[in-house]
Amino acid sequence: MATKQRTTTAAACADDCPVRKTAHIIDGKWTTLIVRDLLPGKKRYYELLDSLHGISPKMLATRLRFLEERGIIAKEIFPTIPPKTEYRLTPLGKKLQKVIVAMGEFGAKL
């Protein structure tokens, strides 16, 4: 019986499964924390780096690029010296607010 249930679950979680696609986006602690920090509005790279204690500059750049490629955040570069870069959630990224709030409520009960 356990084998049949495992097969059903695996079939239900194919590549086009909405839960699987969301899990791929929010995988890892840094991604959800970046989204959390952008919920109130735009932030510059160094503001994110300061608020995400323990993240390396390389990891932050990697996660920001990942989120930008998937349409979760948008990056705006201002032609100043030195260049100013701001990040914000896209309308798609803002839809993660309910997920982040639910995670916070769950975490508060642990």
PDB file of N, CA and C in Angstrom:
ATOM      1  N   MET A   1       0.814  -1.193   0.000  1.00  0.00           N
ATOM      2  CA  MET A   1       0.000   0.000   0.000  1.00  0.00           C
ATOM      3  C   MET A   1       0.859   1.259   0.000  1.00  0.00           C
ATOM      4  N   ALA A   2       1.960   1.241   0.749  1.00  0.00           N
ATOM      5  CA  ALA A   2       2.845   2.398   0.804  1.00  0.00           C
ATOM      6  C   ALA A   2       3.438   2.688  -0.572  1.00  0.00           C
ATOM      7  N   THR A   3       3.736   1.649  -1.343  1.00  0.00           N
ATOM      8  CA  THR A   3       4.295   1.827  -2.668  1.00  0.00           C
ATOM      9  C   THR A   3       3.303   2.532  -3.577  1.00  0.00           C
ATOM     10  N   LYS A   4       2.047   2.136  -3.518  1.00  0.00           N
ATOM     11  CA  LYS A   4       1.023   2.760  -4.337  1.00  0.00           C
ATOM     12  C   LYS A   4       0.875   4.238  -3.976  1.00  0.00           C
ATOM     13  N   GLN A   5       0.891   4.568  -2.693  1.00  0.00           N
ATOM     14  CA  GLN A   5       0.762   5.949  -2.257  1.00  0.00           C
ATOM     15  C   GLN A   5       1.959   6.778  -2.735  1.00  0.00           C
ATOM     16  N   ARG A   6       3.152   6.221  -2.663  1.00  0.00           N
ATOM     17  CA  ARG A   6       4.353   6.921  -3.096  1.00  0.00           C
ATOM     18  C   ARG A   6       4.271   7.214  -4.594  1.00  0.00           C
ATOM     19  N   THR A   7       3.806   6.267  -5.390  1.00  0.00           N
ATOM     20  CA  THR A   7       3.660   6.451  -6.824  1.00  0.00           C
ATOM     21  C   THR A   7       2.658   7.547  -7.122  1.00  0.00           C
ATOM     22  N   THR A   8       1.542   7.568  -6.414  1.00  0.00           N
ATOM     23  CA  THR A   8       0.521   8.588  -6.607  1.00  0.00           C
ATOM     24  C   THR A   8       1.074   9.965  -6.268  1.00  0.00           C
ATOM     25  N   THR A   9       1.812  10.075  -5.175  1.00  0.00           N
ATOM     26  CA  THR A   9       2.390  11.347  -4.775  1.00  0.00           C
ATOM     27  C   THR A   9       3.411  11.818  -5.801  1.00  0.00           C
ATOM     28  N   ALA A  10       4.242  10.926  -6.286  1.00  0.00           N
ATOM     29  CA  ALA A  10       5.256  11.288  -7.280  1.00  0.00           C
ATOM     30  C   ALA A  10       4.590  11.762  -8.560  1.00  0.00           C
ATOM     31  N   ALA A  11       3.537  11.093  -8.976  1.00  0.00           N
ATOM     32  CA  ALA A  11       2.834  11.481 -10.188  1.00  0.00           C
ATOM     33  C   ALA A  11       2.163  12.839 -10.010  1.00  0.00           C
ATOM     34  N   ALA A  12       1.680  13.113  -8.808  1.00  0.00           N
ATOM     35  CA  ALA A  12       1.003  14.377  -8.546  1.00  0.00           C
ATOM     36  C   ALA A  12       1.990  15.547  -8.509  1.00  0.00           C
ATOM     37  N   CYS A  13       3.256  15.259  -8.319  1.00  0.00           N
ATOM     38  CA  CYS A  13       4.255  16.326  -8.201  1.00  0.00           C
ATOM     39  C   CYS A  13       5.206  16.310  -9.396  1.00  0.00           C
ATOM     40  N   ALA A  14       4.642  16.341 -10.579  1.00  0.00           N
ATOM     41  CA  ALA A  14       5.430  16.398 -11.807  1.00  0.00           C
ATOM     42  C   ALA A  14       6.057  17.784 -11.940  1.00  0.00           C
ATOM     43  N   ASP A  15       6.864  17.974 -12.962  1.00  0.00           N
ATOM     44  CA  ASP A  15       7.560  19.245 -13.159  1.00  0.00           C
ATOM     45  C   ASP A  15       6.621  20.447 -13.256  1.00  0.00           C
ATOM     46  N   ASP A  16       5.397  20.232 -13.751  1.00  0.00           N
ATOM     47  CA  ASP A  16       4.464  21.349 -13.885  1.00  0.00           C
ATOM     48  C   ASP A  16       3.587  21.540 -12.642  1.00  0.00           C
ATOM     49  N   CYS A  17       3.879  20.827 -11.571  1.00  0.00           N
ATOM     50  CA  CYS A  17       3.139  20.958 -10.317  1.00  0.00           C
ATOM     51  C   CYS A  17       3.350  22.364  -9.751  1.00  0.00           C
ATOM     52  N   PRO A  18       2.291  23.111  -9.462  1.00  0.00           N
ATOM     53  CA  PRO A  18       2.435  24.470  -8.930  1.00  0.00           C
ATOM     54  C   PRO A  18       3.211  24.532  -7.615  1.00  0.00           C
ATOM     55  N   VAL A  19       3.031  23.554  -6.740  1.00  0.00           N
ATOM     56  CA  VAL A  19       3.759  23.545  -5.471  1.00  0.00           C
ATOM     57  C   VAL A  19       5.246  23.341  -5.728  1.00  0.00           C
ATOM     58  N   ARG A  20       5.571  22.444  -6.621  1.00  0.00           N
ATOM     59  CA  ARG A  20       6.985  22.199  -6.958  1.00  0.00           C
ATOM     60  C   ARG A  20       7.626  23.443  -7.563  1.00  0.00           C
ATOM     61  N   LYS A  21       6.910  24.125  -8.466  1.00  0.00           N
ATOM     62  CA  LYS A  21       7.452  25.329  -9.086  1.00  0.00           C
ATOM     63  C   LYS A  21       7.683  26.427  -8.049  1.00  0.00           C
ATOM     64  N   THR A  22       6.763  26.583  -7.110  1.00  0.00           N
ATOM     65  CA  THR A  22       6.925  27.583  -6.045  1.00  0.00           C
ATOM     66  C   THR A  22       8.082  27.208  -5.133  1.00  0.00           C
ATOM     67  N   ALA A  23       8.173  25.939  -4.766  1.00  0.00           N
ATOM     68  CA  ALA A  23       9.256  25.477  -3.899  1.00  0.00           C
ATOM     69  C   ALA A  23      10.605  25.727  -4.553  1.00  0.00           C
ATOM     70  N   HIS A  24      10.681  25.576  -5.863  1.00  0.00           N
ATOM     71  CA  HIS A  24      11.936  25.836  -6.576  1.00  0.00           C
ATOM     72  C   HIS A  24      12.331  27.306  -6.450  1.00  0.00           C
ATOM     73  N   ILE A  25      11.360  28.200  -6.495  1.00  0.00           N
ATOM     74  CA  ILE A  25      11.642  29.636  -6.394  1.00  0.00           C
ATOM     75  C   ILE A  25      12.061  30.016  -4.982  1.00  0.00           C
ATOM     76  N   ILE A  26      11.339  29.555  -3.969  1.00  0.00           N
ATOM     77  CA  ILE A  26      11.605  30.003  -2.598  1.00  0.00           C
ATOM     78  C   ILE A  26      12.549  29.074  -1.838  1.00  0.00           C
ATOM     79  N   ASP A  27      13.175  28.170  -2.540  1.00  0.00           N
ATOM     80  CA  ASP A  27      14.116  27.231  -1.923  1.00  0.00           C
ATOM     81  C   ASP A  27      15.255  27.974  -1.239  1.00  0.00           C
ATOM     82  N   GLY A  28      15.567  27.576  -0.042  1.00  0.00           N
ATOM     83  CA  GLY A  28      16.691  28.163   0.682  1.00  0.00           C
ATOM     84  C   GLY A  28      16.287  29.366   1.509  1.00  0.00           C
ATOM     85  N   LYS A  29      17.021  29.586   2.585  1.00  0.00           N
ATOM     86  CA  LYS A  29      16.641  30.653   3.505  1.00  0.00           C
ATOM     87  C   LYS A  29      16.850  32.040   2.927  1.00  0.00           C
ATOM     88  N   TRP A  30      17.838  32.236   2.079  1.00  0.00           N
ATOM     89  CA  TRP A  30      18.125  33.588   1.612  1.00  0.00           C
ATOM     90  C   TRP A  30      17.057  34.122   0.687  1.00  0.00           C
ATOM     91  N   THR A  31      16.511  33.289  -0.167  1.00  0.00           N
ATOM     92  CA  THR A  31      15.507  33.756  -1.119  1.00  0.00           C
ATOM     93  C   THR A  31      14.288  34.302  -0.400  1.00  0.00           C
ATOM     94  N   THR A  32      13.778  33.556   0.569  1.00  0.00           N
ATOM     95  CA  THR A  32      12.588  34.028   1.283  1.00  0.00           C
ATOM     96  C   THR A  32      12.899  35.285   2.087  1.00  0.00           C
ATOM     97  N   LEU A  33      14.107  35.385   2.630  1.00  0.00           N
ATOM     98  CA  LEU A  33      14.463  36.576   3.407  1.00  0.00           C
ATOM     99  C   LEU A  33      14.645  37.795   2.502  1.00  0.00           C
ATOM    100  N   ILE A  34      15.147  37.592   1.302  1.00  0.00           N
ATOM    101  CA  ILE A  34      15.261  38.698   0.344  1.00  0.00           C
ATOM    102  C   ILE A  34      13.865  39.200  -0.011  1.00  0.00           C
ATOM    103  N   VAL A  35      12.967  38.283  -0.319  1.00  0.00           N
ATOM    104  CA  VAL A  35      11.584  38.670  -0.638  1.00  0.00           C
ATOM    105  C   VAL A  35      10.974  39.405   0.551  1.00  0.00           C
ATOM    106  N   ARG A  36      11.164  38.872   1.754  1.00  0.00           N
ATOM    107  CA  ARG A  36      10.637  39.520   2.971  1.00  0.00           C
ATOM    108  C   ARG A  36      11.140  40.958   3.082  1.00  0.00           C
ATOM    109  N   ASP A  37      12.434  41.153   2.839  1.00  0.00           N
ATOM    110  CA  ASP A  37      13.008  42.488   2.973  1.00  0.00           C
ATOM    111  C   ASP A  37      12.555  43.450   1.882  1.00  0.00           C
ATOM    112  N   LEU A  38      12.104  42.926   0.754  1.00  0.00           N
ATOM    113  CA  LEU A  38      11.625  43.784  -0.333  1.00  0.00           C
ATOM    114  C   LEU A  38      10.118  44.042  -0.269  1.00  0.00           C
ATOM    115  N   LEU A  39       9.407  43.359   0.615  1.00  0.00           N
ATOM    116  CA  LEU A  39       7.959  43.570   0.716  1.00  0.00           C
ATOM    117  C   LEU A  39       7.585  45.030   0.999  1.00  0.00           C
ATOM    118  N   PRO A  40       8.300  45.737   1.886  1.00  0.00           N
ATOM    119  CA  PRO A  40       7.927  47.134   2.136  1.00  0.00           C
ATOM    120  C   PRO A  40       8.226  48.083   0.976  1.00  0.00           C
ATOM    121  N   GLY A  41       9.136  47.709   0.083  1.00  0.00           N
ATOM    122  CA  GLY A  41       9.473  48.578  -1.047  1.00  0.00           C
ATOM    123  C   GLY A  41      10.897  48.378  -1.521  1.00  0.00           C
ATOM    124  N   LYS A  42      11.349  49.311  -2.346  1.00  0.00           N
ATOM    125  CA  LYS A  42      12.675  49.230  -2.979  1.00  0.00           C
ATOM    126  C   LYS A  42      13.791  49.250  -1.948  1.00  0.00           C
ATOM    127  N   LYS A  43      14.861  48.536  -2.295  1.00  0.00           N
ATOM    128  CA  LYS A  43      16.077  48.565  -1.474  1.00  0.00           C
ATOM    129  C   LYS A  43      17.282  48.511  -2.392  1.00  0.00           C
ATOM    130  N   ARG A  44      18.343  49.120  -1.920  1.00  0.00           N
ATOM    131  CA  ARG A  44      19.608  49.054  -2.640  1.00  0.00           C
ATOM    132  C   ARG A  44      20.353  47.789  -2.226  1.00  0.00           C
ATOM    133  N   TYR A  45      21.319  47.407  -3.048  1.00  0.00           N
ATOM    134  CA  TYR A  45      22.089  46.191  -2.802  1.00  0.00           C
ATOM    135  C   TYR A  45      22.677  46.180  -1.393  1.00  0.00           C
ATOM    136  N   TYR A  46      23.315  47.278  -0.995  1.00  0.00           N
ATOM    137  CA  TYR A  46      23.972  47.305   0.312  1.00  0.00           C
ATOM    138  C   TYR A  46      22.975  47.334   1.466  1.00  0.00           C
ATOM    139  N   GLU A  47      21.768  47.844   1.242  1.00  0.00           N
ATOM    140  CA  GLU A  47      20.733  47.769   2.276  1.00  0.00           C
ATOM    141  C   GLU A  47      20.335  46.314   2.505  1.00  0.00           C
ATOM    142  N   LEU A  48      20.219  45.561   1.428  1.00  0.00           N
ATOM    143  CA  LEU A  48      19.914  44.137   1.555  1.00  0.00           C
ATOM    144  C   LEU A  48      21.060  43.394   2.222  1.00  0.00           C
ATOM    145  N   LEU A  49      22.264  43.698   1.827  1.00  0.00           N
ATOM    146  CA  LEU A  49      23.437  43.044   2.408  1.00  0.00           C
ATOM    147  C   LEU A  49      23.498  43.302   3.914  1.00  0.00           C
ATOM    148  N   ASP A  50      23.192  44.523   4.344  1.00  0.00           N
ATOM    149  CA  ASP A  50      23.205  44.861   5.772  1.00  0.00           C
ATOM    150  C   ASP A  50      22.082  44.168   6.540  1.00  0.00           C
ATOM    151  N   SER A  51      20.922  44.017   5.920  1.00  0.00           N
ATOM    152  CA  SER A  51      19.777  43.440   6.639  1.00  0.00           C
ATOM    153  C   SER A  51      19.818  41.917   6.699  1.00  0.00           C
ATOM    154  N   LEU A  52      20.550  41.286   5.810  1.00  0.00           N
ATOM    155  CA  LEU A  52      20.620  39.827   5.743  1.00  0.00           C
ATOM    156  C   LEU A  52      21.912  39.356   6.406  1.00  0.00           C
ATOM    157  N   HIS A  53      21.903  39.336   7.722  1.00  0.00           N
ATOM    158  CA  HIS A  53      23.101  38.984   8.490  1.00  0.00           C
ATOM    159  C   HIS A  53      23.580  37.576   8.138  1.00  0.00           C
ATOM    160  N   GLY A  54      24.847  37.499   7.713  1.00  0.00           N
ATOM    161  CA  GLY A  54      25.445  36.209   7.405  1.00  0.00           C
ATOM    162  C   GLY A  54      25.516  35.882   5.930  1.00  0.00           C
ATOM    163  N   ILE A  55      24.821  36.634   5.088  1.00  0.00           N
ATOM    164  CA  ILE A  55      24.880  36.342   3.651  1.00  0.00           C
ATOM    165  C   ILE A  55      26.165  36.953   3.075  1.00  0.00           C
ATOM    166  N   SER A  56      26.789  36.238   2.168  1.00  0.00           N
ATOM    167  CA  SER A  56      27.992  36.767   1.523  1.00  0.00           C
ATOM    168  C   SER A  56      27.559  37.631   0.332  1.00  0.00           C
ATOM    169  N   PRO A  57      28.378  38.583  -0.062  1.00  0.00           N
ATOM    170  CA  PRO A  57      28.054  39.392  -1.242  1.00  0.00           C
ATOM    171  C   PRO A  57      27.822  38.536  -2.489  1.00  0.00           C
ATOM    172  N   LYS A  58      28.624  37.477  -2.644  1.00  0.00           N
ATOM    173  CA  LYS A  58      28.464  36.590  -3.802  1.00  0.00           C
ATOM    174  C   LYS A  58      27.109  35.879  -3.772  1.00  0.00           C
ATOM    175  N   MET A  59      26.706  35.376  -2.607  1.00  0.00           N
ATOM    176  CA  MET A  59      25.413  34.687  -2.491  1.00  0.00           C
ATOM    177  C   MET A  59      24.263  35.655  -2.744  1.00  0.00           C
ATOM    178  N   LEU A  60      24.356  36.874  -2.211  1.00  0.00           N
ATOM    179  CA  LEU A  60      23.295  37.854  -2.447  1.00  0.00           C
ATOM    180  C   LEU A  60      23.175  38.149  -3.937  1.00  0.00           C
ATOM    181  N   ALA A  61      24.290  38.367  -4.604  1.00  0.00           N
ATOM    182  CA  ALA A  61      24.262  38.641  -6.040  1.00  0.00           C
ATOM    183  C   ALA A  61      23.668  37.469  -6.818  1.00  0.00           C
ATOM    184  N   THR A  62      24.022  36.256  -6.415  1.00  0.00           N
ATOM    185  CA  THR A  62      23.497  35.054  -7.077  1.00  0.00           C
ATOM    186  C   THR A  62      21.992  34.942  -6.899  1.00  0.00           C
ATOM    187  N   ARG A  63      21.512  35.141  -5.670  1.00  0.00           N
ATOM    188  CA  ARG A  63      20.071  35.021  -5.399  1.00  0.00           C
ATOM    189  C   ARG A  63      19.286  36.137  -6.080  1.00  0.00           C
ATOM    190  N   LEU A  64      19.829  37.352  -6.081  1.00  0.00           N
ATOM    191  CA  LEU A  64      19.144  38.456  -6.763  1.00  0.00           C
ATOM    192  C   LEU A  64      19.034  38.177  -8.258  1.00  0.00           C
ATOM    193  N   ARG A  65      20.095  37.678  -8.857  1.00  0.00           N
ATOM    194  CA  ARG A  65      20.068  37.339 -10.286  1.00  0.00           C
ATOM    195  C   ARG A  65      19.037  36.238 -10.559  1.00  0.00           C
ATOM    196  N   PHE A  66      19.009  35.218  -9.703  1.00  0.00           N
ATOM    197  CA  PHE A  66      18.042  34.121  -9.834  1.00  0.00           C
ATOM    198  C   PHE A  66      16.612  34.667  -9.799  1.00  0.00           C
ATOM    199  N   LEU A  67      16.325  35.518  -8.819  1.00  0.00           N
ATOM    200  CA  LEU A  67      14.979  36.073  -8.678  1.00  0.00           C
ATOM    201  C   LEU A  67      14.618  36.998  -9.845  1.00  0.00           C
ATOM    202  N   GLU A  68      15.595  37.742 -10.328  1.00  0.00           N
ATOM    203  CA  GLU A  68      15.352  38.616 -11.469  1.00  0.00           C
ATOM    204  C   GLU A  68      15.057  37.801 -12.729  1.00  0.00           C
ATOM    205  N   GLU A  69      15.814  36.736 -12.953  1.00  0.00           N
ATOM    206  CA  GLU A  69      15.607  35.883 -14.130  1.00  0.00           C
ATOM    207  C   GLU A  69      14.232  35.241 -14.127  1.00  0.00           C
ATOM    208  N   ARG A  70      13.656  35.023 -12.967  1.00  0.00           N
ATOM    209  CA  ARG A  70      12.351  34.389 -12.859  1.00  0.00           C
ATOM    210  C   ARG A  70      11.201  35.385 -12.731  1.00  0.00           C
ATOM    211  N   GLY A  71      11.512  36.663 -12.837  1.00  0.00           N
ATOM    212  CA  GLY A  71      10.465  37.681 -12.831  1.00  0.00           C
ATOM    213  C   GLY A  71       9.908  38.003 -11.455  1.00  0.00           C
ATOM    214  N   ILE A  72      10.624  37.633 -10.400  1.00  0.00           N
ATOM    215  CA  ILE A  72      10.166  37.887  -9.030  1.00  0.00           C
ATOM    216  C   ILE A  72      10.573  39.284  -8.581  1.00  0.00           C
ATOM    217  N   ILE A  73      11.758  39.724  -8.981  1.00  0.00           N
ATOM    218  CA  ILE A  73      12.215  41.066  -8.659  1.00  0.00           C
ATOM    219  C   ILE A  73      12.645  41.776  -9.933  1.00  0.00           C
ATOM    220  N   ALA A  74      12.701  43.102  -9.841  1.00  0.00           N
ATOM    221  CA  ALA A  74      13.206  43.920 -10.940  1.00  0.00           C
ATOM    222  C   ALA A  74      14.365  44.743 -10.408  1.00  0.00           C
ATOM    223  N   LYS A  75      15.330  44.970 -11.257  1.00  0.00           N
ATOM    224  CA  LYS A  75      16.519  45.750 -10.907  1.00  0.00           C
ATOM    225  C   LYS A  75      16.526  47.014 -11.745  1.00  0.00           C
ATOM    226  N   GLU A  76      16.784  48.133 -11.086  1.00  0.00           N
ATOM    227  CA  GLU A  76      16.903  49.398 -11.799  1.00  0.00           C
ATOM    228  C   GLU A  76      18.281  49.981 -11.494  1.00  0.00           C
ATOM    229  N   ILE A  77      19.018  50.289 -12.554  1.00  0.00           N
ATOM    230  CA  ILE A  77      20.354  50.856 -12.416  1.00  0.00           C
ATOM    231  C   ILE A  77      20.287  52.327 -12.821  1.00  0.00           C
ATOM    232  N   PHE A  78      20.734  53.193 -11.922  1.00  0.00           N
ATOM    233  CA  PHE A  78      20.739  54.625 -12.179  1.00  0.00           C
ATOM    234  C   PHE A  78      22.132  55.041 -12.647  1.00  0.00           C
ATOM    235  N   PRO A  79      22.204  55.853 -13.706  1.00  0.00           N
ATOM    236  CA  PRO A  79      23.505  56.239 -14.274  1.00  0.00           C
ATOM    237  C   PRO A  79      24.187  57.349 -13.459  1.00  0.00           C
ATOM    238  N   THR A  80      24.574  56.998 -12.262  1.00  0.00           N
ATOM    239  CA  THR A  80      25.292  57.940 -11.404  1.00  0.00           C
ATOM    240  C   THR A  80      26.693  57.408 -11.157  1.00  0.00           C
ATOM    241  N   ILE A  81      27.522  58.223 -10.540  1.00  0.00           N
ATOM    242  CA  ILE A  81      28.865  57.767 -10.176  1.00  0.00           C
ATOM    243  C   ILE A  81      28.971  57.839  -8.666  1.00  0.00           C
ATOM    244  N   PRO A  82      29.144  56.727  -7.978  1.00  0.00           N
ATOM    245  CA  PRO A  82      29.098  55.359  -8.508  1.00  0.00           C
ATOM    246  C   PRO A  82      27.667  54.971  -8.872  1.00  0.00           C
ATOM    247  N   PRO A  83      27.507  53.948  -9.711  1.00  0.00           N
ATOM    248  CA  PRO A  83      26.159  53.533 -10.112  1.00  0.00           C
ATOM    249  C   PRO A  83      25.307  53.150  -8.904  1.00  0.00           C
ATOM    250  N   LYS A  84      24.051  53.519  -8.963  1.00  0.00           N
ATOM    251  CA  LYS A  84      23.091  53.189  -7.904  1.00  0.00           C
ATOM    252  C   LYS A  84      22.148  52.130  -8.463  1.00  0.00           C
ATOM    253  N   THR A  85      21.975  51.048  -7.717  1.00  0.00           N
ATOM    254  CA  THR A  85      21.103  49.958  -8.139  1.00  0.00           C
ATOM    255  C   THR A  85      20.039  49.741  -7.087  1.00  0.00           C
ATOM    256  N   GLU A  86      18.789  49.668  -7.513  1.00  0.00           N
ATOM    257  CA  GLU A  86      17.683  49.382  -6.601  1.00  0.00           C
ATOM    258  C   GLU A  86      16.968  48.123  -7.058  1.00  0.00           C
ATOM    259  N   TYR A  87      16.462  47.379  -6.085  1.00  0.00           N
ATOM    260  CA  TYR A  87      15.702  46.170  -6.347  1.00  0.00           C
ATOM    261  C   TYR A  87      14.306  46.341  -5.769  1.00  0.00           C
ATOM    262  N   ARG A  88      13.325  45.804  -6.477  1.00  0.00           N
ATOM    263  CA  ARG A  88      11.944  45.841  -5.995  1.00  0.00           C
ATOM    264  C   ARG A  88      11.244  44.575  -6.438  1.00  0.00           C
ATOM    265  N   LEU A  89      10.177  44.242  -5.747  1.00  0.00           N
ATOM    266  CA  LEU A  89       9.365  43.098  -6.155  1.00  0.00           C
ATOM    267  C   LEU A  89       8.525  43.477  -7.363  1.00  0.00           C
ATOM    268  N   THR A  90       8.377  42.562  -8.275  1.00  0.00           N
ATOM    269  CA  THR A  90       7.463  42.734  -9.396  1.00  0.00           C
ATOM    270  C   THR A  90       6.056  42.383  -8.910  1.00  0.00           C
ATOM    271  N   PRO A  91       5.028  42.622  -9.714  1.00  0.00           N
ATOM    272  CA  PRO A  91       3.687  42.175  -9.315  1.00  0.00           C
ATOM    273  C   PRO A  91       3.646  40.674  -8.999  1.00  0.00           C
ATOM    274  N   LEU A  92       4.390  39.867  -9.762  1.00  0.00           N
ATOM    275  CA  LEU A  92       4.459  38.434  -9.474  1.00  0.00           C
ATOM    276  C   LEU A  92       5.130  38.201  -8.127  1.00  0.00           C
ATOM    277  N   GLY A  93       6.220  38.905  -7.864  1.00  0.00           N
ATOM    278  CA  GLY A  93       6.924  38.767  -6.594  1.00  0.00           C
ATOM    279  C   GLY A  93       6.067  39.161  -5.408  1.00  0.00           C
ATOM    280  N   LYS A  94       5.235  40.184  -5.581  1.00  0.00           N
ATOM    281  CA  LYS A  94       4.353  40.632  -4.493  1.00  0.00           C
ATOM    282  C   LYS A  94       3.336  39.559  -4.111  1.00  0.00           C
ATOM    283  N   LYS A  95       3.059  38.646  -5.025  1.00  0.00           N
ATOM    284  CA  LYS A  95       2.127  37.559  -4.717  1.00  0.00           C
ATOM    285  C   LYS A  95       2.703  36.580  -3.703  1.00  0.00           C
ATOM    286  N   LEU A  96       4.004  36.651  -3.467  1.00  0.00           N
ATOM    287  CA  LEU A  96       4.631  35.803  -2.449  1.00  0.00           C
ATOM    288  C   LEU A  96       4.396  36.325  -1.031  1.00  0.00           C
ATOM    289  N   GLN A  97       3.797  37.505  -0.906  1.00  0.00           N
ATOM    290  CA  GLN A  97       3.579  38.089   0.422  1.00  0.00           C
ATOM    291  C   GLN A  97       2.785  37.148   1.325  1.00  0.00           C
ATOM    292  N   LYS A  98       1.731  36.554   0.817  1.00  0.00           N
ATOM    293  CA  LYS A  98       0.921  35.645   1.634  1.00  0.00           C
ATOM    294  C   LYS A  98       1.745  34.444   2.097  1.00  0.00           C
ATOM    295  N   VAL A  99       2.620  33.960   1.241  1.00  0.00           N
ATOM    296  CA  VAL A  99       3.470  32.823   1.591  1.00  0.00           C
ATOM    297  C   VAL A  99       4.428  33.229   2.710  1.00  0.00           C
ATOM    298  N   ILE A 100       5.059  34.397   2.572  1.00  0.00           N
ATOM    299  CA  ILE A 100       6.022  34.870   3.574  1.00  0.00           C
ATOM    300  C   ILE A 100       5.321  35.135   4.903  1.00  0.00           C
ATOM    301  N   VAL A 101       4.147  35.747   4.866  1.00  0.00           N
ATOM    302  CA  VAL A 101       3.383  36.001   6.094  1.00  0.00           C
ATOM    303  C   VAL A 101       3.014  34.682   6.765  1.00  0.00           C
ATOM    304  N   ALA A 102       2.568  33.709   5.973  1.00  0.00           N
ATOM    305  CA  ALA A 102       2.213  32.402   6.538  1.00  0.00           C
ATOM    306  C   ALA A 102       3.430  31.727   7.171  1.00  0.00           C
ATOM    307  N   MET A 103       4.585  31.857   6.539  1.00  0.00           N
ATOM    308  CA  MET A 103       5.821  31.293   7.095  1.00  0.00           C
ATOM    309  C   MET A 103       6.151  31.968   8.434  1.00  0.00           C
ATOM    310  N   GLY A 104       5.971  33.277   8.502  1.00  0.00           N
ATOM    311  CA  GLY A 104       6.231  34.007   9.729  1.00  0.00           C
ATOM    312  C   GLY A 104       5.292  33.581  10.843  1.00  0.00           C
ATOM    313  N   GLU A 105       4.019  33.424  10.521  1.00  0.00           N
ATOM    314  CA  GLU A 105       3.046  32.986  11.526  1.00  0.00           C
ATOM    315  C   GLU A 105       3.348  31.582  12.008  1.00  0.00           C
ATOM    316  N   PHE A 106       3.718  30.720  11.098  1.00  0.00           N
ATOM    317  CA  PHE A 106       4.071  29.351  11.475  1.00  0.00           C
ATOM    318  C   PHE A 106       5.318  29.344  12.366  1.00  0.00           C
ATOM    319  N   GLY A 107       6.340  30.103  11.948  1.00  0.00           N
ATOM    320  CA  GLY A 107       7.587  30.168  12.697  1.00  0.00           C
ATOM    321  C   GLY A 107       7.404  30.738  14.091  1.00  0.00           C
ATOM    322  N   ALA A 108       6.457  31.633  14.256  1.00  0.00           N
ATOM    323  CA  ALA A 108       6.200  32.222  15.569  1.00  0.00           C
ATOM    324  C   ALA A 108       5.626  31.208  16.539  1.00  0.00           C
ATOM    325  N   LYS A 109       5.058  30.134  16.007  1.00  0.00           N
ATOM    326  CA  LYS A 109       4.444  29.106  16.866  1.00  0.00           C
ATOM    327  C   LYS A 109       5.416  27.987  17.231  1.00  0.00           C
ATOM    328  N   LEU A 110       6.612  28.026  16.659  1.00  0.00           N
ATOM    329  CA  LEU A 110       7.597  26.966  16.938  1.00  0.00           C
ATOM    330  C   LEU A 110       8.316  27.221  18.238  1.00  0.00           C
TER     331      LEU A 110
END
